[in-house]
Amino acid sequence: MAQQAEAQIRTEADLIAADDAIDRGVCGISLACRETTRFRVQGAHDPTPTPYFVLERLFAHFSFDAGSHLLDVGCSTGRVLAHFLRAGYPGHATGVELDPELAEVARAWTVPHANLQVIQGSVLDLDLSGFTDYYLFNPFDSNVLSKLIHAIEEQSAHPVTVVHMSDNGEVWWYLGRPGWSEVASGTFQDFKNGRGYPVRIYDDPQHWTVWRFDPVQAGTI
């Protein structure tokens, strides 16, 4: 966001409106989605879009190149894919979404972009061998997360980077597992506007961690 525009953001509603304007500029529609999930029995959490300022900071920890392939786990209407497109990153990005209605919204606006793809279904049903990077913003419960981490370990033939954010960080699911190392971590709760005013965005701090998994170190290849 430009410094002048940031200075005008004084409330959470202002930030949501600013993100909505970016959505429309990139995709032609608003990607805001704060619904209650219909798939809680499958472990899904309510969809929550990541603000662009958070994505800008977290995505600095990815090292995309022409061969990169990002998987946004629980992509909802596609805010992460919009950021990927807007930033002009090299490589490809795929979103996977359990909810058919949300997946259809994301698929509709991404169709013209050859480097973007949306898959409707469970991430646990995907072949993960081609992905180099993963983004998770609290998409599901710990049971599904544990299964996803195990699938990454079993299927990855090359090092991968995982950026994971949630209110509790869920770091314990990664700690002590062979081949996993913590690269960086931190929290988000406030947005600092262009004049330094803090704007409370989250009721509770959102903890994020960047993980690196190396299958050679893990002994899985």
C-alpha atoms as a PDB file:
ATOM      1  CA  MET A   1       0.000   0.000   0.000  1.00  0.00           C
ATOM      2  CA  ALA A   2       1.218   3.515  -0.734  1.00  0.00           C
ATOM      3  CA  GLN A   3       2.304   5.596   2.266  1.00  0.00           C
ATOM      4  CA  GLN A   4      -0.428   8.187   1.686  1.00  0.00           C
ATOM      5  CA  ALA A   5      -3.141   5.523   1.516  1.00  0.00           C
ATOM      6  CA  GLU A   6      -1.814   3.847   4.669  1.00  0.00           C
ATOM      7  CA  ALA A   7      -2.067   7.124   6.575  1.00  0.00           C
ATOM      8  CA  GLN A   8      -5.819   7.201   5.924  1.00  0.00           C
ATOM      9  CA  ILE A   9      -6.355   3.826   7.620  1.00  0.00           C
ATOM     10  CA  ARG A  10      -7.488   4.489  11.185  1.00  0.00           C
ATOM     11  CA  THR A  11      -9.819   1.548  11.858  1.00  0.00           C
ATOM     12  CA  GLU A  12     -10.198  -2.111  10.952  1.00  0.00           C
ATOM     13  CA  ALA A  13     -13.058  -1.110   8.651  1.00  0.00           C
ATOM     14  CA  ASP A  14     -10.687   1.246   6.810  1.00  0.00           C
ATOM     15  CA  LEU A  15      -8.219  -1.594   6.256  1.00  0.00           C
ATOM     16  CA  ILE A  16     -10.945  -3.947   5.042  1.00  0.00           C
ATOM     17  CA  ALA A  17     -12.082  -1.267   2.583  1.00  0.00           C
ATOM     18  CA  ALA A  18      -8.501  -0.735   1.372  1.00  0.00           C
ATOM     19  CA  ASP A  19      -8.033  -4.481   0.848  1.00  0.00           C
ATOM     20  CA  ASP A  20     -11.383  -4.632  -0.937  1.00  0.00           C
ATOM     21  CA  ALA A  21     -10.186  -1.922  -3.341  1.00  0.00           C
ATOM     22  CA  ILE A  22      -7.059  -3.973  -4.082  1.00  0.00           C
ATOM     23  CA  ASP A  23      -9.205  -7.074  -4.663  1.00  0.00           C
ATOM     24  CA  ARG A  24     -11.324  -5.239  -7.199  1.00  0.00           C
ATOM     25  CA  GLY A  25      -8.306  -3.758  -8.927  1.00  0.00           C
ATOM     26  CA  VAL A  26      -6.639  -7.153  -9.322  1.00  0.00           C
ATOM     27  CA  CYS A  27      -9.621  -9.503  -9.745  1.00  0.00           C
ATOM     28  CA  GLY A  28     -12.581  -7.289 -10.586  1.00  0.00           C
ATOM     29  CA  ILE A  29     -14.497  -8.498  -7.500  1.00  0.00           C
ATOM     30  CA  SER A  30     -14.281  -8.333  -3.733  1.00  0.00           C
ATOM     31  CA  LEU A  31     -12.669 -11.394  -2.169  1.00  0.00           C
ATOM     32  CA  ALA A  32     -13.890 -10.639   1.346  1.00  0.00           C
ATOM     33  CA  CYS A  33     -15.325 -13.732   3.003  1.00  0.00           C
ATOM     34  CA  ARG A  34     -16.143 -14.060   6.686  1.00  0.00           C
ATOM     35  CA  GLU A  35     -18.742 -16.807   6.599  1.00  0.00           C
ATOM     36  CA  THR A  36     -19.262 -19.710   8.975  1.00  0.00           C
ATOM     37  CA  THR A  37     -17.934 -22.876   7.382  1.00  0.00           C
ATOM     38  CA  ARG A  38     -20.364 -25.653   6.460  1.00  0.00           C
ATOM     39  CA  PHE A  39     -17.555 -28.200   6.712  1.00  0.00           C
ATOM     40  CA  ARG A  40     -16.635 -28.106  10.389  1.00  0.00           C
ATOM     41  CA  VAL A  41     -17.248 -31.849  10.702  1.00  0.00           C
ATOM     42  CA  GLN A  42     -14.355 -32.358   8.243  1.00  0.00           C
ATOM     43  CA  GLY A  43     -12.135 -30.206  10.438  1.00  0.00           C
ATOM     44  CA  ALA A  44     -12.429 -26.965   8.441  1.00  0.00           C
ATOM     45  CA  HIS A  45     -12.244 -23.585  10.169  1.00  0.00           C
ATOM     46  CA  ASP A  46     -14.204 -20.478   9.163  1.00  0.00           C
ATOM     47  CA  PRO A  47     -12.667 -18.767   6.098  1.00  0.00           C
ATOM     48  CA  THR A  48     -10.792 -15.593   6.982  1.00  0.00           C
ATOM     49  CA  PRO A  49      -9.011 -13.508   4.318  1.00  0.00           C
ATOM     50  CA  THR A  50      -5.428 -12.509   5.077  1.00  0.00           C
ATOM     51  CA  PRO A  51      -4.907  -8.724   4.858  1.00  0.00           C
ATOM     52  CA  TYR A  52      -2.567  -7.680   2.066  1.00  0.00           C
ATOM     53  CA  PHE A  53      -0.112  -6.017   4.453  1.00  0.00           C
ATOM     54  CA  VAL A  54       0.307  -9.373   6.235  1.00  0.00           C
ATOM     55  CA  LEU A  55       0.807 -11.211   2.956  1.00  0.00           C
ATOM     56  CA  GLU A  56       3.425  -8.689   1.847  1.00  0.00           C
ATOM     57  CA  ARG A  57       5.481  -9.337   4.989  1.00  0.00           C
ATOM     58  CA  LEU A  58       5.031 -13.087   5.155  1.00  0.00           C
ATOM     59  CA  PHE A  59       5.710 -13.679   1.470  1.00  0.00           C
ATOM     60  CA  ALA A  60       9.111 -12.029   1.875  1.00  0.00           C
ATOM     61  CA  HIS A  61      10.131 -15.374   3.404  1.00  0.00           C
ATOM     62  CA  PHE A  62       9.437 -17.292   0.192  1.00  0.00           C
ATOM     63  CA  SER A  63      12.112 -17.495  -2.517  1.00  0.00           C
ATOM     64  CA  PHE A  64      10.062 -17.931  -5.667  1.00  0.00           C
ATOM     65  CA  ASP A  65      11.636 -18.668  -9.031  1.00  0.00           C
ATOM     66  CA  ALA A  66      10.380 -19.958 -12.390  1.00  0.00           C
ATOM     67  CA  GLY A  67      10.176 -23.493 -11.022  1.00  0.00           C
ATOM     68  CA  SER A  68       8.306 -22.601  -7.831  1.00  0.00           C
ATOM     69  CA  HIS A  69       4.800 -23.858  -7.133  1.00  0.00           C
ATOM     70  CA  LEU A  70       2.934 -22.423  -4.150  1.00  0.00           C
ATOM     71  CA  LEU A  71      -0.044 -24.204  -2.578  1.00  0.00           C
ATOM     72  CA  ASP A  72      -2.467 -22.009  -0.626  1.00  0.00           C
ATOM     73  CA  VAL A  73      -4.196 -24.450   1.718  1.00  0.00           C
ATOM     74  CA  GLY A  74      -7.802 -23.387   2.224  1.00  0.00           C
ATOM     75  CA  CYS A  75      -7.752 -20.628  -0.382  1.00  0.00           C
ATOM     76  CA  SER A  76     -11.381 -19.487   0.074  1.00  0.00           C
ATOM     77  CA  THR A  77     -12.113 -16.929  -2.680  1.00  0.00           C
ATOM     78  CA  GLY A  78      -8.434 -16.522  -3.565  1.00  0.00           C
ATOM     79  CA  ARG A  79      -6.912 -13.552  -1.689  1.00  0.00           C
ATOM     80  CA  VAL A  80      -3.483 -15.231  -1.566  1.00  0.00           C
ATOM     81  CA  LEU A  81      -3.655 -15.958  -5.293  1.00  0.00           C
ATOM     82  CA  ALA A  82      -4.546 -12.307  -5.907  1.00  0.00           C
ATOM     83  CA  HIS A  83      -1.480 -11.222  -3.933  1.00  0.00           C
ATOM     84  CA  PHE A  84       0.695 -13.654  -5.898  1.00  0.00           C
ATOM     85  CA  LEU A  85      -0.618 -12.180  -9.147  1.00  0.00           C
ATOM     86  CA  ARG A  86      -0.393  -8.567  -7.998  1.00  0.00           C
ATOM     87  CA  ALA A  87       3.190  -8.979  -6.789  1.00  0.00           C
ATOM     88  CA  GLY A  88       4.256 -10.523 -10.094  1.00  0.00           C
ATOM     89  CA  TYR A  89       6.001 -13.500  -8.517  1.00  0.00           C
ATOM     90  CA  PRO A  90       7.545 -16.058 -10.871  1.00  0.00           C
ATOM     91  CA  GLY A  91       6.314 -19.636 -10.930  1.00  0.00           C
ATOM     92  CA  HIS A  92       2.809 -20.934 -10.263  1.00  0.00           C
ATOM     93  CA  ALA A  93       0.295 -20.778  -7.442  1.00  0.00           C
ATOM     94  CA  THR A  94      -2.531 -23.200  -6.711  1.00  0.00           C
ATOM     95  CA  GLY A  95      -5.329 -22.809  -4.196  1.00  0.00           C
ATOM     96  CA  VAL A  96      -7.207 -25.749  -2.734  1.00  0.00           C
ATOM     97  CA  GLU A  97     -10.607 -25.152  -1.124  1.00  0.00           C
ATOM     98  CA  LEU A  98     -13.027 -27.636   0.444  1.00  0.00           C
ATOM     99  CA  ASP A  99     -16.123 -25.445   0.021  1.00  0.00           C
ATOM    100  CA  PRO A 100     -17.416 -25.752  -3.586  1.00  0.00           C
ATOM    101  CA  GLU A 101     -19.056 -22.313  -3.563  1.00  0.00           C
ATOM    102  CA  LEU A 102     -15.908 -20.508  -2.424  1.00  0.00           C
ATOM    103  CA  ALA A 103     -13.753 -22.538  -4.791  1.00  0.00           C
ATOM    104  CA  GLU A 104     -15.998 -21.551  -7.691  1.00  0.00           C
ATOM    105  CA  VAL A 105     -15.588 -17.857  -6.884  1.00  0.00           C
ATOM    106  CA  ALA A 106     -11.811 -18.263  -6.860  1.00  0.00           C
ATOM    107  CA  ARG A 107     -11.817 -20.376 -10.005  1.00  0.00           C
ATOM    108  CA  ALA A 108     -13.975 -17.892 -11.932  1.00  0.00           C
ATOM    109  CA  TRP A 109     -11.623 -14.940 -11.554  1.00  0.00           C
ATOM    110  CA  THR A 110      -8.374 -16.951 -11.902  1.00  0.00           C
ATOM    111  CA  VAL A 111      -9.312 -18.662 -15.206  1.00  0.00           C
ATOM    112  CA  PRO A 112      -7.606 -16.030 -17.428  1.00  0.00           C
ATOM    113  CA  HIS A 113      -4.294 -16.408 -15.551  1.00  0.00           C
ATOM    114  CA  ALA A 114      -2.201 -19.355 -16.714  1.00  0.00           C
ATOM    115  CA  ASN A 115       0.007 -19.314 -13.610  1.00  0.00           C
ATOM    116  CA  LEU A 116      -2.953 -19.675 -11.220  1.00  0.00           C
ATOM    117  CA  GLN A 117      -5.121 -22.720 -10.523  1.00  0.00           C
ATOM    118  CA  VAL A 118      -7.931 -23.554  -8.098  1.00  0.00           C
ATOM    119  CA  ILE A 119      -8.796 -27.083  -6.985  1.00  0.00           C
ATOM    120  CA  GLN A 120     -11.997 -27.884  -5.119  1.00  0.00           C
ATOM    121  CA  GLY A 121     -11.500 -30.639  -2.565  1.00  0.00           C
ATOM    122  CA  SER A 122      -9.410 -31.718   0.388  1.00  0.00           C
ATOM    123  CA  VAL A 123      -5.693 -31.004   0.463  1.00  0.00           C
ATOM    124  CA  LEU A 124      -5.231 -34.531   1.824  1.00  0.00           C
ATOM    125  CA  ASP A 125      -6.384 -35.910  -1.548  1.00  0.00           C
ATOM    126  CA  LEU A 126      -3.774 -33.993  -3.569  1.00  0.00           C
ATOM    127  CA  ASP A 127      -0.472 -35.203  -4.945  1.00  0.00           C
ATOM    128  CA  LEU A 128       1.907 -32.863  -3.099  1.00  0.00           C
ATOM    129  CA  SER A 129       5.127 -33.921  -4.826  1.00  0.00           C
ATOM    130  CA  GLY A 130       5.245 -30.916  -7.174  1.00  0.00           C
ATOM    131  CA  PHE A 131       4.754 -28.140  -4.618  1.00  0.00           C
ATOM    132  CA  THR A 132       7.726 -26.151  -3.344  1.00  0.00           C
ATOM    133  CA  ASP A 133       5.948 -23.754  -0.981  1.00  0.00           C
ATOM    134  CA  TYR A 134       2.877 -23.806   1.262  1.00  0.00           C
ATOM    135  CA  TYR A 135       0.806 -21.082   2.907  1.00  0.00           C
ATOM    136  CA  LEU A 136      -1.625 -21.847   5.749  1.00  0.00           C
ATOM    137  CA  PHE A 137      -3.729 -19.349   7.695  1.00  0.00           C
ATOM    138  CA  ASN A 138      -5.470 -21.531  10.266  1.00  0.00           C
ATOM    139  CA  PRO A 139      -7.424 -23.505   7.619  1.00  0.00           C
ATOM    140  CA  PHE A 140      -8.387 -26.532   9.706  1.00  0.00           C
ATOM    141  CA  ASP A 141      -8.065 -28.374  13.000  1.00  0.00           C
ATOM    142  CA  SER A 142      -4.975 -30.082  14.386  1.00  0.00           C
ATOM    143  CA  ASN A 143      -6.015 -33.534  13.207  1.00  0.00           C
ATOM    144  CA  VAL A 144      -6.004 -32.454   9.556  1.00  0.00           C
ATOM    145  CA  LEU A 145      -2.821 -30.425  10.046  1.00  0.00           C
ATOM    146  CA  SER A 146      -1.012 -33.446  11.445  1.00  0.00           C
ATOM    147  CA  LYS A 147      -2.053 -35.503   8.418  1.00  0.00           C
ATOM    148  CA  LEU A 148      -0.919 -32.748   6.031  1.00  0.00           C
ATOM    149  CA  ILE A 149       2.522 -32.511   7.651  1.00  0.00           C
ATOM    150  CA  HIS A 150       2.884 -36.281   7.368  1.00  0.00           C
ATOM    151  CA  ALA A 151       1.838 -36.148   3.692  1.00  0.00           C
ATOM    152  CA  ILE A 152       4.428 -33.430   2.988  1.00  0.00           C
ATOM    153  CA  GLU A 153       7.082 -35.605   4.613  1.00  0.00           C
ATOM    154  CA  GLU A 154       6.089 -38.666   2.608  1.00  0.00           C
ATOM    155  CA  GLN A 155       5.657 -36.997  -0.783  1.00  0.00           C
ATOM    156  CA  SER A 156       8.268 -34.225  -0.990  1.00  0.00           C
ATOM    157  CA  ALA A 157      11.268 -35.071  -3.174  1.00  0.00           C
ATOM    158  CA  HIS A 158      12.911 -31.669  -2.619  1.00  0.00           C
ATOM    159  CA  PRO A 159      13.111 -29.056   0.177  1.00  0.00           C
ATOM    160  CA  VAL A 160       9.895 -27.114   0.783  1.00  0.00           C
ATOM    161  CA  THR A 161       9.007 -23.947   2.679  1.00  0.00           C
ATOM    162  CA  VAL A 162       5.874 -23.682   4.823  1.00  0.00           C
ATOM    163  CA  VAL A 163       4.496 -20.396   6.176  1.00  0.00           C
ATOM    164  CA  HIS A 164       1.880 -21.118   8.846  1.00  0.00           C
ATOM    165  CA  MET A 165      -0.138 -18.545  10.798  1.00  0.00           C
ATOM    166  CA  SER A 166      -2.833 -19.023  13.455  1.00  0.00           C
ATOM    167  CA  ASP A 167      -3.758 -17.640  16.872  1.00  0.00           C
ATOM    168  CA  ASN A 168      -1.704 -20.299  18.674  1.00  0.00           C
ATOM    169  CA  GLY A 169       0.911 -20.944  15.987  1.00  0.00           C
ATOM    170  CA  GLU A 170       0.532 -24.734  16.253  1.00  0.00           C
ATOM    171  CA  VAL A 171       4.321 -25.021  16.316  1.00  0.00           C
ATOM    172  CA  TRP A 172       4.246 -28.221  18.376  1.00  0.00           C
ATOM    173  CA  TRP A 173       3.109 -30.212  15.328  1.00  0.00           C
ATOM    174  CA  TYR A 174       6.396 -29.393  13.587  1.00  0.00           C
ATOM    175  CA  LEU A 175       8.849 -29.469  16.502  1.00  0.00           C
ATOM    176  CA  GLY A 176      11.132 -32.463  16.838  1.00  0.00           C
ATOM    177  CA  ARG A 177      10.199 -33.986  13.487  1.00  0.00           C
ATOM    178  CA  PRO A 178      13.211 -35.108  11.404  1.00  0.00           C
ATOM    179  CA  GLY A 179      14.033 -32.752   8.542  1.00  0.00           C
ATOM    180  CA  TRP A 180      12.064 -29.758   9.856  1.00  0.00           C
ATOM    181  CA  SER A 181      13.755 -26.511  10.910  1.00  0.00           C
ATOM    182  CA  GLU A 182      12.326 -23.161  12.004  1.00  0.00           C
ATOM    183  CA  VAL A 183      13.466 -20.280   9.823  1.00  0.00           C
ATOM    184  CA  ALA A 184      11.592 -17.301  11.333  1.00  0.00           C
ATOM    185  CA  SER A 185       8.599 -16.492  13.527  1.00  0.00           C
ATOM    186  CA  GLY A 186       6.604 -13.563  14.859  1.00  0.00           C
ATOM    187  CA  THR A 187       3.109 -12.212  15.477  1.00  0.00           C
ATOM    188  CA  PHE A 188       0.553  -9.895  13.895  1.00  0.00           C
ATOM    189  CA  GLN A 189      -2.133  -8.036  15.807  1.00  0.00           C
ATOM    190  CA  ASP A 190      -1.938  -4.366  14.791  1.00  0.00           C
ATOM    191  CA  PHE A 191      -1.556  -2.546  11.505  1.00  0.00           C
ATOM    192  CA  LYS A 192       0.759   0.500  11.646  1.00  0.00           C
ATOM    193  CA  ASN A 193      -0.468   3.164   9.282  1.00  0.00           C
ATOM    194  CA  GLY A 194       1.702   5.648   7.405  1.00  0.00           C
ATOM    195  CA  ARG A 195       1.839   7.974  10.415  1.00  0.00           C
ATOM    196  CA  GLY A 196       2.616   5.259  12.917  1.00  0.00           C
ATOM    197  CA  TYR A 197      -0.888   4.913  14.383  1.00  0.00           C
ATOM    198  CA  PRO A 198      -1.581   1.310  15.460  1.00  0.00           C
ATOM    199  CA  VAL A 199      -4.867  -0.123  14.225  1.00  0.00           C
ATOM    200  CA  ARG A 200      -6.044  -3.295  16.001  1.00  0.00           C
ATOM    201  CA  ILE A 201      -6.810  -5.945  13.376  1.00  0.00           C
ATOM    202  CA  TYR A 202      -6.965  -9.180  15.369  1.00  0.00           C
ATOM    203  CA  ASP A 203      -8.527  -9.661  18.814  1.00  0.00           C
ATOM    204  CA  ASP A 204      -5.712 -12.090  19.644  1.00  0.00           C
ATOM    205  CA  PRO A 205      -2.158 -12.096  18.291  1.00  0.00           C
ATOM    206  CA  GLN A 206      -1.739 -14.248  15.198  1.00  0.00           C
ATOM    207  CA  HIS A 207       1.465 -16.253  15.503  1.00  0.00           C
ATOM    208  CA  TRP A 208       3.332 -17.133  12.332  1.00  0.00           C
ATOM    209  CA  THR A 209       6.260 -19.445  11.719  1.00  0.00           C
ATOM    210  CA  VAL A 210       8.312 -20.163   8.617  1.00  0.00           C
ATOM    211  CA  TRP A 211       9.389 -23.789   8.387  1.00  0.00           C
ATOM    212  CA  ARG A 212      11.798 -25.551   6.062  1.00  0.00           C
ATOM    213  CA  PHE A 213      11.479 -29.268   5.399  1.00  0.00           C
ATOM    214  CA  ASP A 214      14.423 -31.119   3.832  1.00  0.00           C
ATOM    215  CA  PRO A 215      13.587 -34.719   2.850  1.00  0.00           C
ATOM    216  CA  VAL A 216      17.279 -35.624   2.654  1.00  0.00           C
ATOM    217  CA  GLN A 217      17.816 -34.608   6.271  1.00  0.00           C
ATOM    218  CA  ALA A 218      14.613 -36.403   7.197  1.00  0.00           C
ATOM    219  CA  GLY A 219      15.824 -39.576   5.495  1.00  0.00           C
ATOM    220  CA  THR A 220      12.660 -39.896   3.422  1.00  0.00           C
ATOM    221  CA  ILE A 221      14.564 -39.911   0.108  1.00  0.00           C
END
